[in-house]
């Protein structure tokens, strides 16, 4: 992941390469020119939503600005990939199953969720462009999509529009593992 200064530099270089003004990118993305300027100067980190909007405004994928290295045309990822902890209580780890390919639209990962215990709490949700689908390898989870909650157990799957607020939680007594693919139909 690039530093915020490097990320800003990448956004600015792409904007200038396309000979766009800050105001033009604001009109294309819906993100204020002031905020884009702060991102470009490395003053602030954009939210995922803001970076996604700026990327689409520049006709790029969000990952274009976040990739550490140039991606190969064919991606092979061996076991042991480091996971990103997305929740500590209860512990939920997102493990990439692919680093992606240039211009790729699919994110592929394993979600490992530890039991929540008696007090399950609220499901933390998010949304994004495109679709998402998941398959439960082991355990039991609940997937909240909008106002609907879908219970899934090992061997079951779900597919939904990513633009709806969604999230998951483990509702079983043991660790759950599920494989997920999220894809974007646009750039």
Protein backbone atom coordinates (compact mmCIF):
# COMPACT_ATOMS: atom_id res chain seq x y z
CA UNK A 1 0.00 0.00 0.00
CA UNK A 2 1.45 3.36 -0.94
CA UNK A 3 1.90 6.16 1.59
CA UNK A 4 -0.65 8.99 1.43
CA UNK A 5 1.97 11.16 -0.27
CA UNK A 6 2.59 8.47 -2.92
CA UNK A 7 -1.15 7.91 -3.36
CA UNK A 8 -1.67 11.64 -3.87
CA UNK A 9 1.17 11.74 -6.37
CA UNK A 10 -0.44 8.92 -8.36
CA UNK A 11 -3.82 10.69 -8.43
CA UNK A 12 -2.21 13.97 -9.52
CA UNK A 13 -0.09 12.29 -12.23
CA UNK A 14 -3.14 10.54 -13.67
CA UNK A 15 -5.22 13.75 -13.59
CA UNK A 16 -2.46 15.72 -15.35
CA UNK A 17 -1.85 12.89 -17.84
CA UNK A 18 -5.51 13.26 -18.84
CA UNK A 19 -5.12 17.08 -18.86
CA UNK A 20 -7.95 17.51 -16.39
CA UNK A 21 -8.37 20.32 -13.89
CA UNK A 22 -9.34 19.69 -10.27
CA UNK A 23 -12.78 21.13 -11.09
CA UNK A 24 -13.16 18.73 -14.03
CA UNK A 25 -12.40 15.75 -11.79
CA UNK A 26 -14.88 17.13 -9.24
CA UNK A 27 -17.56 17.17 -11.96
CA UNK A 28 -16.68 13.63 -13.08
CA UNK A 29 -16.43 12.12 -9.60
CA UNK A 30 -18.66 14.10 -7.27
CA UNK A 31 -15.70 14.62 -4.89
CA UNK A 32 -14.92 18.27 -4.16
CA UNK A 33 -11.92 19.86 -5.87
CA UNK A 34 -10.69 20.93 -2.42
CA UNK A 35 -10.70 17.33 -1.16
CA UNK A 36 -9.00 16.08 -4.34
CA UNK A 37 -6.33 18.76 -3.91
CA UNK A 38 -5.74 17.64 -0.30
CA UNK A 39 -5.42 14.03 -1.48
CA UNK A 40 -2.98 15.02 -4.24
CA UNK A 41 -0.81 16.98 -1.80
CA UNK A 42 -0.71 14.06 0.64
CA UNK A 43 -2.51 16.04 3.34
CA UNK A 44 -5.30 13.51 3.81
CA UNK A 45 -6.13 9.88 3.10
CA UNK A 46 -9.29 9.56 1.03
CA UNK A 47 -12.05 7.30 2.29
CA UNK A 48 -12.54 4.14 0.25
CA UNK A 49 -15.72 5.68 -1.14
CA UNK A 50 -13.99 8.95 -2.13
CA UNK A 51 -11.04 7.15 -3.76
CA UNK A 52 -13.46 4.89 -5.64
CA UNK A 53 -15.34 7.94 -6.97
CA UNK A 54 -12.13 9.73 -7.99
CA UNK A 55 -10.84 6.56 -9.67
CA UNK A 56 -14.07 6.14 -11.64
CA UNK A 57 -13.95 9.83 -12.59
CA UNK A 58 -10.45 9.24 -13.98
CA UNK A 59 -11.63 6.02 -15.70
CA UNK A 60 -9.36 3.87 -13.52
CA UNK A 61 -9.90 1.12 -10.98
CA UNK A 62 -9.40 1.98 -7.33
CA UNK A 63 -6.63 -0.62 -7.17
CA UNK A 64 -4.71 1.32 -9.85
CA UNK A 65 -3.87 3.88 -7.16
CA UNK A 66 -3.27 1.35 -4.37
CA UNK A 67 -1.16 -1.38 -5.98
CA UNK A 68 2.39 -1.66 -4.63
CA UNK A 69 3.76 -3.33 -7.73
CA UNK A 70 2.89 -3.80 -11.37
CA UNK A 71 0.55 -6.75 -11.59
CA UNK A 72 1.21 -9.79 -13.83
CA UNK A 73 -1.19 -10.91 -16.57
CA UNK A 74 -1.71 -14.20 -14.71
CA UNK A 75 -1.94 -14.21 -10.94
CA UNK A 76 -0.96 -17.22 -8.83
CA UNK A 77 -0.98 -16.87 -5.07
CA UNK A 78 0.33 -19.71 -2.94
CA UNK A 79 -0.98 -20.51 0.55
CA UNK A 80 0.10 -18.50 3.53
CA UNK A 81 -1.03 -15.10 2.26
CA UNK A 82 -1.19 -12.52 5.03
CA UNK A 83 -4.65 -11.54 6.10
CA UNK A 84 -6.03 -8.14 6.97
CA UNK A 85 -7.88 -7.97 10.28
CA UNK A 86 -11.17 -6.19 9.68
CA UNK A 87 -12.59 -6.69 13.17
CA UNK A 88 -11.05 -7.53 16.55
CA UNK A 89 -14.21 -8.24 18.49
CA UNK A 90 -15.01 -10.82 17.29
CA UNK A 91 -11.91 -11.41 15.22
CA UNK A 92 -12.56 -11.39 11.46
CA UNK A 93 -9.67 -11.80 9.02
CA UNK A 94 -9.80 -11.18 5.27
CA UNK A 95 -7.21 -13.25 3.37
CA UNK A 96 -6.57 -12.45 -0.31
CA UNK A 97 -6.81 -15.40 -2.70
CA UNK A 98 -5.61 -13.28 -5.63
CA UNK A 99 -3.53 -10.12 -5.90
CA UNK A 100 -5.33 -9.31 -9.15
CA UNK A 101 -4.33 -8.66 -12.72
CA UNK A 102 -4.00 -5.35 -14.61
CA UNK A 103 -7.46 -3.87 -15.08
CA UNK A 104 -9.00 -6.81 -13.23
CA UNK A 105 -12.49 -6.34 -11.87
CA UNK A 106 -12.64 -9.30 -9.44
CA UNK A 107 -11.55 -9.33 -5.81
CA UNK A 108 -11.22 -12.90 -4.49
CA UNK A 109 -10.68 -13.66 -0.82
CA UNK A 110 -11.26 -15.96 2.17
CA UNK A 111 -13.08 -14.60 5.20
CA UNK A 112 -12.21 -16.28 8.51
CA UNK A 113 -14.58 -15.28 11.32
CA UNK A 114 -14.28 -16.35 14.93
CA UNK A 115 -17.44 -16.90 16.99
CA UNK A 116 -19.11 -13.78 18.35
CA UNK A 117 -20.28 -15.44 21.56
CA UNK A 118 -23.64 -14.89 23.27
CA UNK A 119 -23.88 -11.18 22.45
CA UNK A 120 -23.66 -11.20 18.67
CA UNK A 121 -23.88 -7.41 18.37
CA UNK A 122 -24.69 -5.54 15.19
CA UNK A 123 -23.40 -6.57 11.77
CA UNK A 124 -21.00 -3.90 10.48
CA UNK A 125 -21.94 -3.14 6.88
CA UNK A 126 -20.42 -1.48 3.84
CA UNK A 127 -21.29 -1.12 0.14
CA UNK A 128 -19.50 -0.87 -3.20
CA UNK A 129 -20.20 -0.95 -6.93
CA UNK A 130 -20.74 -4.30 -8.63
CA UNK A 131 -21.79 -7.71 -7.31
CA UNK A 132 -20.58 -9.94 -4.49
CA UNK A 133 -20.95 -13.67 -3.97
CA UNK A 134 -19.86 -15.92 -1.12
CA UNK A 135 -19.65 -19.66 -0.42
CA UNK A 136 -19.46 -21.05 3.13
CA UNK A 137 -16.67 -23.64 3.39
CA UNK A 138 -17.16 -24.31 7.12
CA UNK A 139 -19.25 -23.02 9.99
CA UNK A 140 -22.39 -20.88 10.01
CA UNK A 141 -22.73 -17.20 9.15
CA UNK A 142 -25.40 -14.58 8.71
CA UNK A 143 -25.16 -12.20 5.78
CA UNK A 144 -27.07 -8.94 6.08
CA UNK A 145 -27.99 -7.34 2.73
CA UNK A 146 -30.03 -4.18 3.13
CA UNK A 147 -32.68 -5.04 5.73
CA UNK A 148 -32.64 -8.77 4.98
CA UNK A 149 -30.55 -11.31 6.91
CA UNK A 150 -29.67 -14.60 5.18
CA UNK A 151 -28.49 -17.55 7.30
CA UNK A 152 -25.89 -19.77 5.60
CA UNK A 153 -24.15 -22.99 6.61
CA UNK A 154 -21.35 -25.05 5.09
CA UNK A 155 -22.04 -25.74 1.41
CA UNK A 156 -24.44 -22.82 0.90
CA UNK A 157 -23.84 -19.63 -1.06
CA UNK A 158 -25.26 -16.16 -1.61
CA UNK A 159 -25.06 -13.59 -4.44
CA UNK A 160 -26.19 -9.95 -4.21
CA UNK A 161 -25.67 -6.41 -5.49
CA UNK A 162 -22.74 -4.76 -3.71
CA UNK A 163 -24.49 -1.40 -3.85
CA UNK A 164 -26.73 -2.53 -0.97
CA UNK A 165 -25.28 -2.17 2.53
CA UNK A 166 -23.98 -5.62 3.49
CA UNK A 167 -21.89 -7.45 6.06
CA UNK A 168 -21.46 -10.83 7.77
CA UNK A 169 -21.07 -12.34 11.20
CA UNK A 170 -20.28 -15.80 12.50
CA UNK A 171 -23.26 -17.31 14.31
CA UNK A 172 -21.76 -20.74 14.96
CA UNK A 173 -19.78 -22.05 17.91
CA UNK A 174 -16.58 -22.53 15.91
CA UNK A 175 -14.51 -20.60 13.38
CA UNK A 176 -16.24 -20.07 10.02
CA UNK A 177 -14.48 -19.89 6.66
CA UNK A 178 -16.13 -18.54 3.54
CA UNK A 179 -14.78 -17.76 0.07
CA UNK A 180 -15.89 -14.47 -1.52
CA UNK A 181 -15.69 -12.81 -4.91
CA UNK A 182 -16.56 -9.17 -5.44
CA UNK A 183 -16.56 -7.71 -8.90
CA UNK A 184 -17.14 -4.36 -10.44
CA UNK A 185 -18.87 -3.94 -13.76
CA UNK A 186 -17.42 -0.48 -14.41
CA UNK A 187 -13.93 0.95 -14.27
